[in-house]
Amino acid sequence: MSQSNNKILKAKIEGVKTDDLDIFKSSLIPFDAAFEEYNPEEESIIVQFKTAVEKQHLDVLGNYTIKPM
């Protein structure tokens, strides 16, 4: 797991609809994230952060489920 002290380097984010994918990616620009995989059936995206991010900062993105990996 890439999480220590509530900081996340990699996460699976659920609840991202295909139609909102580009907007969602834009909202993560300040977090310096790379997108590894999108699963339209699960409406989930795997995100790799170049610098560890605290989960509480990701909560401002909206009504998504964030699961550290």
PDB file of N, CA and C in Angstrom:
ATOM      1  N   MET A   1       0.851  -1.174   0.000  1.00  0.00           N
ATOM      2  CA  MET A   1       0.000   0.000   0.000  1.00  0.00           C
ATOM      3  C   MET A   1       0.894   1.234   0.000  1.00  0.00           C
ATOM      4  N   SER A   2       0.492   2.227  -0.764  1.00  0.00           N
ATOM      5  CA  SER A   2       1.295   3.437  -0.877  1.00  0.00           C
ATOM      6  C   SER A   2       0.744   4.554  -0.002  1.00  0.00           C
ATOM      7  N   GLN A   3       0.264   4.209   1.162  1.00  0.00           N
ATOM      8  CA  GLN A   3      -0.327   5.211   2.051  1.00  0.00           C
ATOM      9  C   GLN A   3       0.393   5.182   3.389  1.00  0.00           C
ATOM     10  N   SER A   4       0.801   6.346   3.847  1.00  0.00           N
ATOM     11  CA  SER A   4       1.361   6.459   5.183  1.00  0.00           C
ATOM     12  C   SER A   4       0.992   7.827   5.721  1.00  0.00           C
ATOM     13  N   ASN A   5       0.605   7.860   6.972  1.00  0.00           N
ATOM     14  CA  ASN A   5       0.204   9.114   7.601  1.00  0.00           C
ATOM     15  C   ASN A   5      -0.907   9.819   6.828  1.00  0.00           C
ATOM     16  N   ASN A   6      -1.853   9.045   6.306  1.00  0.00           N
ATOM     17  CA  ASN A   6      -3.004   9.582   5.583  1.00  0.00           C
ATOM     18  C   ASN A   6      -2.641  10.206   4.242  1.00  0.00           C
ATOM     19  N   LYS A   7      -1.444   9.943   3.727  1.00  0.00           N
ATOM     20  CA  LYS A   7      -1.049  10.467   2.425  1.00  0.00           C
ATOM     21  C   LYS A   7      -1.150   9.355   1.393  1.00  0.00           C
ATOM     22  N   ILE A   8      -1.591   9.727   0.210  1.00  0.00           N
ATOM     23  CA  ILE A   8      -1.873   8.758  -0.842  1.00  0.00           C
ATOM     24  C   ILE A   8      -0.981   9.035  -2.048  1.00  0.00           C
ATOM     25  N   LEU A   9      -0.374   7.976  -2.585  1.00  0.00           N
ATOM     26  CA  LEU A   9       0.380   8.077  -3.832  1.00  0.00           C
ATOM     27  C   LEU A   9      -0.390   7.480  -5.003  1.00  0.00           C
ATOM     28  N   LYS A  10      -1.253   6.505  -4.714  1.00  0.00           N
ATOM     29  CA  LYS A  10      -2.026   5.847  -5.762  1.00  0.00           C
ATOM     30  C   LYS A  10      -3.406   5.542  -5.206  1.00  0.00           C
ATOM     31  N   ALA A  11      -4.426   5.759  -6.038  1.00  0.00           N
ATOM     32  CA  ALA A  11      -5.788   5.542  -5.553  1.00  0.00           C
ATOM     33  C   ALA A  11      -6.705   5.089  -6.679  1.00  0.00           C
ATOM     34  N   LYS A  12      -7.722   4.350  -6.278  1.00  0.00           N
ATOM     35  CA  LYS A  12      -8.826   4.013  -7.169  1.00  0.00           C
ATOM     36  C   LYS A  12      -9.968   4.943  -6.766  1.00  0.00           C
ATOM     37  N   ILE A  13     -10.450   5.713  -7.724  1.00  0.00           N
ATOM     38  CA  ILE A  13     -11.514   6.669  -7.447  1.00  0.00           C
ATOM     39  C   ILE A  13     -12.758   6.206  -8.190  1.00  0.00           C
ATOM     40  N   GLU A  14     -13.819   5.956  -7.437  1.00  0.00           N
ATOM     41  CA  GLU A  14     -15.061   5.425  -7.998  1.00  0.00           C
ATOM     42  C   GLU A  14     -16.122   6.508  -8.080  1.00  0.00           C
ATOM     43  N   GLY A  15     -17.004   6.357  -9.071  1.00  0.00           N
ATOM     44  CA  GLY A  15     -18.107   7.290  -9.246  1.00  0.00           C
ATOM     45  C   GLY A  15     -17.866   8.290 -10.365  1.00  0.00           C
ATOM     46  N   VAL A  16     -16.856   8.033 -11.194  1.00  0.00           N
ATOM     47  CA  VAL A  16     -16.519   8.942 -12.292  1.00  0.00           C
ATOM     48  C   VAL A  16     -17.226   8.459 -13.557  1.00  0.00           C
ATOM     49  N   LYS A  17     -18.232   9.184 -13.980  1.00  0.00           N
ATOM     50  CA  LYS A  17     -18.994   8.821 -15.174  1.00  0.00           C
ATOM     51  C   LYS A  17     -18.190   9.157 -16.430  1.00  0.00           C
ATOM     52  N   THR A  18     -18.393   8.369 -17.478  1.00  0.00           N
ATOM     53  CA  THR A  18     -17.667   8.557 -18.729  1.00  0.00           C
ATOM     54  C   THR A  18     -17.828   9.976 -19.263  1.00  0.00           C
ATOM     55  N   ASP A  19     -19.043  10.511 -19.192  1.00  0.00           N
ATOM     56  CA  ASP A  19     -19.301  11.865 -19.701  1.00  0.00           C
ATOM     57  C   ASP A  19     -18.552  12.938 -18.918  1.00  0.00           C
ATOM     58  N   ASP A  20     -18.198  12.654 -17.677  1.00  0.00           N
ATOM     59  CA  ASP A  20     -17.520  13.629 -16.816  1.00  0.00           C
ATOM     60  C   ASP A  20     -16.012  13.409 -16.734  1.00  0.00           C
ATOM     61  N   LEU A  21     -15.492  12.454 -17.491  1.00  0.00           N
ATOM     62  CA  LEU A  21     -14.091  12.054 -17.357  1.00  0.00           C
ATOM     63  C   LEU A  21     -13.124  13.208 -17.627  1.00  0.00           C
ATOM     64  N   ASP A  22     -13.331  13.965 -18.692  1.00  0.00           N
ATOM     65  CA  ASP A  22     -12.412  15.065 -19.006  1.00  0.00           C
ATOM     66  C   ASP A  22     -12.438  16.143 -17.931  1.00  0.00           C
ATOM     67  N   ILE A  23     -13.625  16.458 -17.433  1.00  0.00           N
ATOM     68  CA  ILE A  23     -13.741  17.454 -16.366  1.00  0.00           C
ATOM     69  C   ILE A  23     -13.052  16.948 -15.103  1.00  0.00           C
ATOM     70  N   PHE A  24     -13.244  15.656 -14.805  1.00  0.00           N
ATOM     71  CA  PHE A  24     -12.609  15.078 -13.620  1.00  0.00           C
ATOM     72  C   PHE A  24     -11.087  15.150 -13.728  1.00  0.00           C
ATOM     73  N   LYS A  25     -10.554  14.785 -14.892  1.00  0.00           N
ATOM     74  CA  LYS A  25      -9.104  14.845 -15.086  1.00  0.00           C
ATOM     75  C   LYS A  25      -8.590  16.269 -14.892  1.00  0.00           C
ATOM     76  N   SER A  26      -9.325  17.240 -15.386  1.00  0.00           N
ATOM     77  CA  SER A  26      -8.925  18.643 -15.221  1.00  0.00           C
ATOM     78  C   SER A  26      -8.902  19.051 -13.752  1.00  0.00           C
ATOM     79  N   SER A  27      -9.821  18.504 -12.976  1.00  0.00           N
ATOM     80  CA  SER A  27      -9.884  18.872 -11.556  1.00  0.00           C
ATOM     81  C   SER A  27      -8.698  18.328 -10.766  1.00  0.00           C
ATOM     82  N   LEU A  28      -8.001  17.335 -11.333  1.00  0.00           N
ATOM     83  CA  LEU A  28      -6.846  16.762 -10.639  1.00  0.00           C
ATOM     84  C   LEU A  28      -5.515  17.378 -11.060  1.00  0.00           C
ATOM     85  N   ILE A  29      -5.532  18.319 -11.995  1.00  0.00           N
ATOM     86  CA  ILE A  29      -4.289  18.951 -12.448  1.00  0.00           C
ATOM     87  C   ILE A  29      -3.483  19.534 -11.287  1.00  0.00           C
ATOM     88  N   PRO A  30      -4.104  20.237 -10.341  1.00  0.00           N
ATOM     89  CA  PRO A  30      -3.310  20.789  -9.229  1.00  0.00           C
ATOM     90  C   PRO A  30      -2.612  19.724  -8.375  1.00  0.00           C
ATOM     91  N   PHE A  31      -3.091  18.483  -8.450  1.00  0.00           N
ATOM     92  CA  PHE A  31      -2.505  17.404  -7.655  1.00  0.00           C
ATOM     93  C   PHE A  31      -1.359  16.697  -8.380  1.00  0.00           C
ATOM     94  N   ASP A  32      -1.058  17.119  -9.617  1.00  0.00           N
ATOM     95  CA  ASP A  32       0.028  16.529 -10.403  1.00  0.00           C
ATOM     96  C   ASP A  32      -0.129  15.010 -10.484  1.00  0.00           C
ATOM     97  N   ALA A  33      -1.252  14.588 -11.063  1.00  0.00           N
ATOM     98  CA  ALA A  33      -1.595  13.170 -11.117  1.00  0.00           C
ATOM     99  C   ALA A  33      -1.494  12.620 -12.538  1.00  0.00           C
ATOM    100  N   ALA A  34      -1.152  11.341 -12.636  1.00  0.00           N
ATOM    101  CA  ALA A  34      -1.147  10.621 -13.902  1.00  0.00           C
ATOM    102  C   ALA A  34      -2.277   9.595 -13.856  1.00  0.00           C
ATOM    103  N   PHE A  35      -2.998   9.473 -14.951  1.00  0.00           N
ATOM    104  CA  PHE A  35      -4.133   8.563 -15.010  1.00  0.00           C
ATOM    105  C   PHE A  35      -3.694   7.258 -15.640  1.00  0.00           C
ATOM    106  N   GLU A  36      -3.835   6.169 -14.900  1.00  0.00           N
ATOM    107  CA  GLU A  36      -3.351   4.880 -15.364  1.00  0.00           C
ATOM    108  C   GLU A  36      -4.413   4.074 -16.101  1.00  0.00           C
ATOM    109  N   GLU A  37      -5.648   4.104 -15.612  1.00  0.00           N
ATOM    110  CA  GLU A  37      -6.673   3.236 -16.201  1.00  0.00           C
ATOM    111  C   GLU A  37      -8.060   3.745 -15.842  1.00  0.00           C
ATOM    112  N   TYR A  38      -8.977   3.698 -16.825  1.00  0.00           N
ATOM    113  CA  TYR A  38     -10.379   4.029 -16.561  1.00  0.00           C
ATOM    114  C   TYR A  38     -11.223   2.806 -16.880  1.00  0.00           C
ATOM    115  N   ASN A  39     -12.123   2.450 -15.977  1.00  0.00           N
ATOM    116  CA  ASN A  39     -13.023   1.316 -16.165  1.00  0.00           C
ATOM    117  C   ASN A  39     -14.450   1.849 -16.255  1.00  0.00           C
ATOM    118  N   PRO A  40     -15.008   1.931 -17.472  1.00  0.00           N
ATOM    119  CA  PRO A  40     -16.353   2.502 -17.621  1.00  0.00           C
ATOM    120  C   PRO A  40     -17.449   1.665 -16.960  1.00  0.00           C
ATOM    121  N   GLU A  41     -17.270   0.345 -16.875  1.00  0.00           N
ATOM    122  CA  GLU A  41     -18.285  -0.497 -16.241  1.00  0.00           C
ATOM    123  C   GLU A  41     -18.394  -0.197 -14.748  1.00  0.00           C
ATOM    124  N   GLU A  42     -17.263   0.012 -14.098  1.00  0.00           N
ATOM    125  CA  GLU A  42     -17.237   0.317 -12.658  1.00  0.00           C
ATOM    126  C   GLU A  42     -17.293   1.814 -12.389  1.00  0.00           C
ATOM    127  N   GLU A  43     -17.183   2.609 -13.450  1.00  0.00           N
ATOM    128  CA  GLU A  43     -17.071   4.068 -13.316  1.00  0.00           C
ATOM    129  C   GLU A  43     -15.951   4.416 -12.341  1.00  0.00           C
ATOM    130  N   SER A  44     -14.778   3.798 -12.564  1.00  0.00           N
ATOM    131  CA  SER A  44     -13.639   4.027 -11.675  1.00  0.00           C
ATOM    132  C   SER A  44     -12.397   4.363 -12.487  1.00  0.00           C
ATOM    133  N   ILE A  45     -11.498   5.078 -11.840  1.00  0.00           N
ATOM    134  CA  ILE A  45     -10.245   5.470 -12.472  1.00  0.00           C
ATOM    135  C   ILE A  45      -9.112   5.227 -11.477  1.00  0.00           C
ATOM    136  N   ILE A  46      -7.986   4.742 -11.998  1.00  0.00           N
ATOM    137  CA  ILE A  46      -6.789   4.554 -11.186  1.00  0.00           C
ATOM    138  C   ILE A  46      -5.902   5.778 -11.421  1.00  0.00           C
ATOM    139  N   VAL A  47      -5.497   6.408 -10.338  1.00  0.00           N
ATOM    140  CA  VAL A  47      -4.714   7.639 -10.408  1.00  0.00           C
ATOM    141  C   VAL A  47      -3.420   7.466  -9.621  1.00  0.00           C
ATOM    142  N   GLN A  48      -2.307   7.884 -10.213  1.00  0.00           N
ATOM    143  CA  GLN A  48      -0.998   7.873  -9.557  1.00  0.00           C
ATOM    144  C   GLN A  48      -0.585   9.325  -9.329  1.00  0.00           C
ATOM    145  N   PHE A  49      -0.321   9.677  -8.079  1.00  0.00           N
ATOM    146  CA  PHE A  49       0.106  11.030  -7.744  1.00  0.00           C
ATOM    147  C   PHE A  49       1.628  11.077  -7.694  1.00  0.00           C
ATOM    148  N   LYS A  50       2.227  12.107  -8.278  1.00  0.00           N
ATOM    149  CA  LYS A  50       3.685  12.235  -8.270  1.00  0.00           C
ATOM    150  C   LYS A  50       4.203  12.635  -6.897  1.00  0.00           C
ATOM    151  N   THR A  51       3.369  13.328  -6.140  1.00  0.00           N
ATOM    152  CA  THR A  51       3.675  13.706  -4.764  1.00  0.00           C
ATOM    153  C   THR A  51       2.517  13.244  -3.895  1.00  0.00           C
ATOM    154  N   ALA A  52       2.814  12.682  -2.750  1.00  0.00           N
ATOM    155  CA  ALA A  52       1.756  12.178  -1.865  1.00  0.00           C
ATOM    156  C   ALA A  52       0.766  13.286  -1.511  1.00  0.00           C
ATOM    157  N   VAL A  53      -0.520  12.908  -1.527  1.00  0.00           N
ATOM    158  CA  VAL A  53      -1.610  13.847  -1.267  1.00  0.00           C
ATOM    159  C   VAL A  53      -2.412  13.335  -0.073  1.00  0.00           C
ATOM    160  N   GLU A  54      -2.793  14.234   0.817  1.00  0.00           N
ATOM    161  CA  GLU A  54      -3.636  13.838   1.938  1.00  0.00           C
ATOM    162  C   GLU A  54      -5.056  13.598   1.442  1.00  0.00           C
ATOM    163  N   LYS A  55      -5.675  12.535   1.942  1.00  0.00           N
ATOM    164  CA  LYS A  55      -7.019  12.168   1.502  1.00  0.00           C
ATOM    165  C   LYS A  55      -8.011  13.306   1.701  1.00  0.00           C
ATOM    166  N   GLN A  56      -7.883  14.040   2.773  1.00  0.00           N
ATOM    167  CA  GLN A  56      -8.822  15.136   3.042  1.00  0.00           C
ATOM    168  C   GLN A  56      -8.790  16.180   1.927  1.00  0.00           C
ATOM    169  N   HIS A  57      -7.649  16.346   1.252  1.00  0.00           N
ATOM    170  CA  HIS A  57      -7.577  17.292   0.145  1.00  0.00           C
ATOM    171  C   HIS A  57      -8.319  16.760  -1.078  1.00  0.00           C
ATOM    172  N   LEU A  58      -8.358  15.451  -1.239  1.00  0.00           N
ATOM    173  CA  LEU A  58      -9.078  14.852  -2.366  1.00  0.00           C
ATOM    174  C   LEU A  58     -10.583  14.873  -2.146  1.00  0.00           C
ATOM    175  N   ASP A  59     -11.010  14.952  -0.909  1.00  0.00           N
ATOM    176  CA  ASP A  59     -12.444  14.965  -0.607  1.00  0.00           C
ATOM    177  C   ASP A  59     -13.151  16.176  -1.205  1.00  0.00           C
ATOM    178  N   VAL A  60     -12.416  17.243  -1.503  1.00  0.00           N
ATOM    179  CA  VAL A  60     -13.035  18.444  -2.073  1.00  0.00           C
ATOM    180  C   VAL A  60     -13.429  18.248  -3.537  1.00  0.00           C
ATOM    181  N   LEU A  61     -13.020  17.147  -4.155  1.00  0.00           N
ATOM    182  CA  LEU A  61     -13.325  16.904  -5.562  1.00  0.00           C
ATOM    183  C   LEU A  61     -14.801  16.642  -5.815  1.00  0.00           C
ATOM    184  N   GLY A  62     -15.503  16.175  -4.812  1.00  0.00           N
ATOM    185  CA  GLY A  62     -16.919  15.889  -4.994  1.00  0.00           C
ATOM    186  C   GLY A  62     -17.312  14.575  -4.361  1.00  0.00           C
ATOM    187  N   ASN A  63     -18.408  14.043  -4.844  1.00  0.00           N
ATOM    188  CA  ASN A  63     -19.002  12.841  -4.270  1.00  0.00           C
ATOM    189  C   ASN A  63     -18.411  11.585  -4.918  1.00  0.00           C
ATOM    190  N   TYR A  64     -17.137  11.343  -4.671  1.00  0.00           N
ATOM    191  CA  TYR A  64     -16.445  10.173  -5.197  1.00  0.00           C
ATOM    192  C   TYR A  64     -15.966   9.317  -4.032  1.00  0.00           C
ATOM    193  N   THR A  65     -15.818   8.023  -4.299  1.00  0.00           N
ATOM    194  CA  THR A  65     -15.252   7.116  -3.311  1.00  0.00           C
ATOM    195  C   THR A  65     -13.773   6.968  -3.629  1.00  0.00           C
ATOM    196  N   ILE A  66     -12.920   7.319  -2.692  1.00  0.00           N
ATOM    197  CA  ILE A  66     -11.475   7.279  -2.892  1.00  0.00           C
ATOM    198  C   ILE A  66     -10.903   6.144  -2.064  1.00  0.00           C
ATOM    199  N   LYS A  67     -10.278   5.179  -2.766  1.00  0.00           N
ATOM    200  CA  LYS A  67      -9.697   4.017  -2.099  1.00  0.00           C
ATOM    201  C   LYS A  67      -8.191   3.999  -2.348  1.00  0.00           C
ATOM    202  N   PRO A  68      -7.400   4.260  -1.316  1.00  0.00           N
ATOM    203  CA  PRO A  68      -5.940   4.190  -1.474  1.00  0.00           C
ATOM    204  C   PRO A  68      -5.515   2.788  -1.891  1.00  0.00           C
ATOM    205  N   MET A  69      -4.463   2.716  -2.695  1.00  0.00           N
ATOM    206  CA  MET A  69      -3.948   1.421  -3.164  1.00  0.00           C
ATOM    207  C   MET A  69      -2.513   1.245  -2.691  1.00  0.00           C
TER     208      MET A  69
END
